[in-house]
């Protein structure tokens, strides 16, 4: 598994926070030709992101380029099973990326549209949110 987590953070543990509103940043295809856009808010774990990357690269068989547009920078802590309440906040269990509706998760460049669509479908199956296939808005 690729090590998708920050190298260092200012604070080890974080509060849960709110996921409200739509994405105002990272909501258009910037690097590739086609993208996978989310339609729901969610926390995307590092494992889910990596599963999507592996699915795409396996399907494309080393042609084209896959860009990952999200990074898991939020530490999620979880108490062990059958532990009583109290005794402080639990240790970090995994890392997650905060995903708002409209966020582009993955982009693909250098492959035809039908192939990109199939690859994005493979990725979307691994994601815990509803996604849609989008293209570039403006051709430069």
C-alpha atoms as a PDB file:
ATOM      1  CA  UNK A   1       0.000   0.000   0.000  1.00  0.00           C
ATOM      2  CA  UNK A   2       1.329   3.410  -0.877  1.00  0.00           C
ATOM      3  CA  UNK A   3       1.885   5.457   2.255  1.00  0.00           C
ATOM      4  CA  UNK A   4      -0.964   7.959   1.893  1.00  0.00           C
ATOM      5  CA  UNK A   5      -0.634  10.056   5.035  1.00  0.00           C
ATOM      6  CA  UNK A   6       1.083  13.323   5.957  1.00  0.00           C
ATOM      7  CA  UNK A   7       4.788  13.149   6.759  1.00  0.00           C
ATOM      8  CA  UNK A   8       4.201  15.296   9.850  1.00  0.00           C
ATOM      9  CA  UNK A   9       1.323  17.254  11.372  1.00  0.00           C
ATOM     10  CA  UNK A  10       1.075  20.155  13.802  1.00  0.00           C
ATOM     11  CA  UNK A  11      -1.432  18.295  16.001  1.00  0.00           C
ATOM     12  CA  UNK A  12      -1.742  14.508  16.340  1.00  0.00           C
ATOM     13  CA  UNK A  13      -5.493  14.383  16.908  1.00  0.00           C
ATOM     14  CA  UNK A  14      -8.336  16.406  15.392  1.00  0.00           C
ATOM     15  CA  UNK A  15     -11.989  17.030  16.137  1.00  0.00           C
ATOM     16  CA  UNK A  16     -14.539  15.598  13.742  1.00  0.00           C
ATOM     17  CA  UNK A  17     -15.792  18.872  12.248  1.00  0.00           C
ATOM     18  CA  UNK A  18     -18.630  19.487   9.767  1.00  0.00           C
ATOM     19  CA  UNK A  19     -18.823  18.716   6.045  1.00  0.00           C
ATOM     20  CA  UNK A  20     -21.262  21.319   4.764  1.00  0.00           C
ATOM     21  CA  UNK A  21     -21.624  23.035   1.406  1.00  0.00           C
ATOM     22  CA  UNK A  22     -20.201  22.177  -1.994  1.00  0.00           C
ATOM     23  CA  UNK A  23     -16.554  22.111  -3.049  1.00  0.00           C
ATOM     24  CA  UNK A  24     -15.277  25.526  -4.121  1.00  0.00           C
ATOM     25  CA  UNK A  25     -11.731  24.287  -4.782  1.00  0.00           C
ATOM     26  CA  UNK A  26     -10.569  21.210  -6.672  1.00  0.00           C
ATOM     27  CA  UNK A  27     -13.920  21.023  -8.452  1.00  0.00           C
ATOM     28  CA  UNK A  28     -12.789  21.052 -12.089  1.00  0.00           C
ATOM     29  CA  UNK A  29     -10.530  18.897 -14.261  1.00  0.00           C
ATOM     30  CA  UNK A  30      -7.107  20.558 -14.093  1.00  0.00           C
ATOM     31  CA  UNK A  31      -4.392  18.033 -15.012  1.00  0.00           C
ATOM     32  CA  UNK A  32      -5.942  15.276 -17.131  1.00  0.00           C
ATOM     33  CA  UNK A  33      -8.583  15.042 -19.849  1.00  0.00           C
ATOM     34  CA  UNK A  34     -11.312  13.304 -17.831  1.00  0.00           C
ATOM     35  CA  UNK A  35     -12.195  13.270 -14.140  1.00  0.00           C
ATOM     36  CA  UNK A  36     -14.290  11.523 -11.494  1.00  0.00           C
ATOM     37  CA  UNK A  37     -16.450  13.982  -9.556  1.00  0.00           C
ATOM     38  CA  UNK A  38     -18.205  13.236  -6.252  1.00  0.00           C
ATOM     39  CA  UNK A  39     -21.878  14.010  -5.686  1.00  0.00           C
ATOM     40  CA  UNK A  40     -21.996  13.486  -1.897  1.00  0.00           C
ATOM     41  CA  UNK A  41     -20.010  14.626   1.169  1.00  0.00           C
ATOM     42  CA  UNK A  42     -17.899  11.952   2.862  1.00  0.00           C
ATOM     43  CA  UNK A  43     -14.603  11.052   4.494  1.00  0.00           C
ATOM     44  CA  UNK A  44     -12.490   9.084   2.027  1.00  0.00           C
ATOM     45  CA  UNK A  45      -9.955   6.821   3.744  1.00  0.00           C
ATOM     46  CA  UNK A  46      -6.387   6.425   2.503  1.00  0.00           C
ATOM     47  CA  UNK A  47      -7.181   2.766   1.738  1.00  0.00           C
ATOM     48  CA  UNK A  48     -10.158   3.684  -0.446  1.00  0.00           C
ATOM     49  CA  UNK A  49      -8.078   6.225  -2.389  1.00  0.00           C
ATOM     50  CA  UNK A  50      -5.337   3.633  -2.910  1.00  0.00           C
ATOM     51  CA  UNK A  51      -7.866   0.980  -3.960  1.00  0.00           C
ATOM     52  CA  UNK A  52      -9.137   3.375  -6.640  1.00  0.00           C
ATOM     53  CA  UNK A  53      -5.605   4.086  -7.855  1.00  0.00           C
ATOM     54  CA  UNK A  54      -4.746   0.392  -8.097  1.00  0.00           C
ATOM     55  CA  UNK A  55      -8.021  -0.412  -9.913  1.00  0.00           C
ATOM     56  CA  UNK A  56      -7.351   2.291 -12.517  1.00  0.00           C
ATOM     57  CA  UNK A  57      -3.709   1.413 -13.099  1.00  0.00           C
ATOM     58  CA  UNK A  58      -4.515  -2.295 -13.345  1.00  0.00           C
ATOM     59  CA  UNK A  59      -7.240  -1.626 -15.917  1.00  0.00           C
ATOM     60  CA  UNK A  60      -5.209   0.852 -17.994  1.00  0.00           C
ATOM     61  CA  UNK A  61      -2.135  -1.432 -18.005  1.00  0.00           C
ATOM     62  CA  UNK A  62       0.533   1.312 -17.933  1.00  0.00           C
ATOM     63  CA  UNK A  63      -1.018   3.493 -20.621  1.00  0.00           C
ATOM     64  CA  UNK A  64      -2.108   7.040 -19.894  1.00  0.00           C
ATOM     65  CA  UNK A  65      -1.558   8.809 -16.576  1.00  0.00           C
ATOM     66  CA  UNK A  66      -3.708   8.705 -13.435  1.00  0.00           C
ATOM     67  CA  UNK A  67      -3.764  11.797 -11.200  1.00  0.00           C
ATOM     68  CA  UNK A  68      -5.018  11.602  -7.602  1.00  0.00           C
ATOM     69  CA  UNK A  69      -6.559  14.949  -6.661  1.00  0.00           C
ATOM     70  CA  UNK A  70      -7.322  14.273  -2.979  1.00  0.00           C
ATOM     71  CA  UNK A  71      -5.009  13.645  -0.041  1.00  0.00           C
ATOM     72  CA  UNK A  72      -5.901  12.110   3.346  1.00  0.00           C
ATOM     73  CA  UNK A  73      -4.780  14.770   5.836  1.00  0.00           C
ATOM     74  CA  UNK A  74      -7.386  14.242   8.584  1.00  0.00           C
ATOM     75  CA  UNK A  75      -6.467  11.887  11.446  1.00  0.00           C
ATOM     76  CA  UNK A  76      -9.425   9.726  12.536  1.00  0.00           C
ATOM     77  CA  UNK A  77      -9.111   8.196  15.998  1.00  0.00           C
ATOM     78  CA  UNK A  78     -11.024   5.128  17.180  1.00  0.00           C
ATOM     79  CA  UNK A  79     -11.209   3.463  20.564  1.00  0.00           C
ATOM     80  CA  UNK A  80     -10.521  -0.289  20.706  1.00  0.00           C
ATOM     81  CA  UNK A  81     -13.522  -2.628  20.859  1.00  0.00           C
ATOM     82  CA  UNK A  82     -14.989  -3.382  24.315  1.00  0.00           C
ATOM     83  CA  UNK A  83     -13.303  -0.369  25.898  1.00  0.00           C
ATOM     84  CA  UNK A  84     -15.144   1.622  28.562  1.00  0.00           C
ATOM     85  CA  UNK A  85     -15.869   5.312  28.104  1.00  0.00           C
ATOM     86  CA  UNK A  86     -13.388   7.860  29.400  1.00  0.00           C
ATOM     87  CA  UNK A  87      -9.597   7.424  29.646  1.00  0.00           C
ATOM     88  CA  UNK A  88      -8.975  10.149  27.059  1.00  0.00           C
ATOM     89  CA  UNK A  89      -9.160  10.420  23.299  1.00  0.00           C
ATOM     90  CA  UNK A  90      -8.151   7.291  21.369  1.00  0.00           C
ATOM     91  CA  UNK A  91      -5.091   6.935  19.160  1.00  0.00           C
ATOM     92  CA  UNK A  92      -5.228   7.669  15.417  1.00  0.00           C
ATOM     93  CA  UNK A  93      -6.748   4.690  13.585  1.00  0.00           C
ATOM     94  CA  UNK A  94      -6.528   5.895   9.963  1.00  0.00           C
ATOM     95  CA  UNK A  95      -6.233   8.989   7.778  1.00  0.00           C
ATOM     96  CA  UNK A  96      -9.064  10.457   5.696  1.00  0.00           C
ATOM     97  CA  UNK A  97      -9.637  13.102   3.054  1.00  0.00           C
ATOM     98  CA  UNK A  98     -12.603  15.423   3.502  1.00  0.00           C
ATOM     99  CA  UNK A  99     -14.758  15.174   0.368  1.00  0.00           C
ATOM    100  CA  UNK A 100     -17.465  17.707  -0.474  1.00  0.00           C
ATOM    101  CA  UNK A 101     -19.925  17.391  -3.382  1.00  0.00           C
ATOM    102  CA  UNK A 102     -18.214  18.509  -6.594  1.00  0.00           C
ATOM    103  CA  UNK A 103     -14.676  17.470  -5.614  1.00  0.00           C
ATOM    104  CA  UNK A 104     -12.636  15.832  -8.388  1.00  0.00           C
ATOM    105  CA  UNK A 105     -11.115  12.632  -6.972  1.00  0.00           C
ATOM    106  CA  UNK A 106      -9.164  11.211  -9.908  1.00  0.00           C
ATOM    107  CA  UNK A 107      -8.130  12.411 -13.359  1.00  0.00           C
ATOM    108  CA  UNK A 108      -6.911  10.473 -16.370  1.00  0.00           C
ATOM    109  CA  UNK A 109      -4.852  11.779 -19.289  1.00  0.00           C
ATOM    110  CA  UNK A 110      -3.549  10.223 -22.494  1.00  0.00           C
ATOM    111  CA  UNK A 111      -6.286   7.646 -23.160  1.00  0.00           C
ATOM    112  CA  UNK A 112      -9.435   7.707 -25.381  1.00  0.00           C
ATOM    113  CA  UNK A 113     -12.747   8.689 -23.754  1.00  0.00           C
ATOM    114  CA  UNK A 114     -14.329   5.211 -23.789  1.00  0.00           C
ATOM    115  CA  UNK A 115     -11.276   3.706 -22.062  1.00  0.00           C
ATOM    116  CA  UNK A 116     -11.196   6.559 -19.517  1.00  0.00           C
ATOM    117  CA  UNK A 117     -14.913   6.037 -18.846  1.00  0.00           C
ATOM    118  CA  UNK A 118     -14.378   2.337 -18.134  1.00  0.00           C
ATOM    119  CA  UNK A 119     -11.404   3.053 -15.868  1.00  0.00           C
ATOM    120  CA  UNK A 120     -13.404   5.671 -13.934  1.00  0.00           C
ATOM    121  CA  UNK A 121     -16.241   3.144 -13.530  1.00  0.00           C
ATOM    122  CA  UNK A 122     -13.734   0.744 -11.907  1.00  0.00           C
ATOM    123  CA  UNK A 123     -12.640   3.499  -9.530  1.00  0.00           C
ATOM    124  CA  UNK A 124     -16.235   4.556  -8.766  1.00  0.00           C
ATOM    125  CA  UNK A 125     -17.037   0.984  -7.660  1.00  0.00           C
ATOM    126  CA  UNK A 126     -14.372   1.305  -4.953  1.00  0.00           C
ATOM    127  CA  UNK A 127     -15.652   4.671  -3.693  1.00  0.00           C
ATOM    128  CA  UNK A 128     -18.160   5.022  -0.814  1.00  0.00           C
ATOM    129  CA  UNK A 129     -19.904   7.943  -2.574  1.00  0.00           C
ATOM    130  CA  UNK A 130     -21.877   8.471  -5.769  1.00  0.00           C
ATOM    131  CA  UNK A 131     -19.590   9.780  -8.519  1.00  0.00           C
ATOM    132  CA  UNK A 132     -19.942  10.990 -12.093  1.00  0.00           C
ATOM    133  CA  UNK A 133     -17.649  11.059 -15.112  1.00  0.00           C
ATOM    134  CA  UNK A 134     -16.698  14.561 -16.271  1.00  0.00           C
ATOM    135  CA  UNK A 135     -14.549  15.969 -19.052  1.00  0.00           C
ATOM    136  CA  UNK A 136     -12.588  19.178 -19.397  1.00  0.00           C
ATOM    137  CA  UNK A 137     -14.758  22.312 -19.530  1.00  0.00           C
ATOM    138  CA  UNK A 138     -12.455  24.360 -21.720  1.00  0.00           C
ATOM    139  CA  UNK A 139     -10.108  22.946 -24.332  1.00  0.00           C
ATOM    140  CA  UNK A 140      -6.863  24.941 -24.200  1.00  0.00           C
END
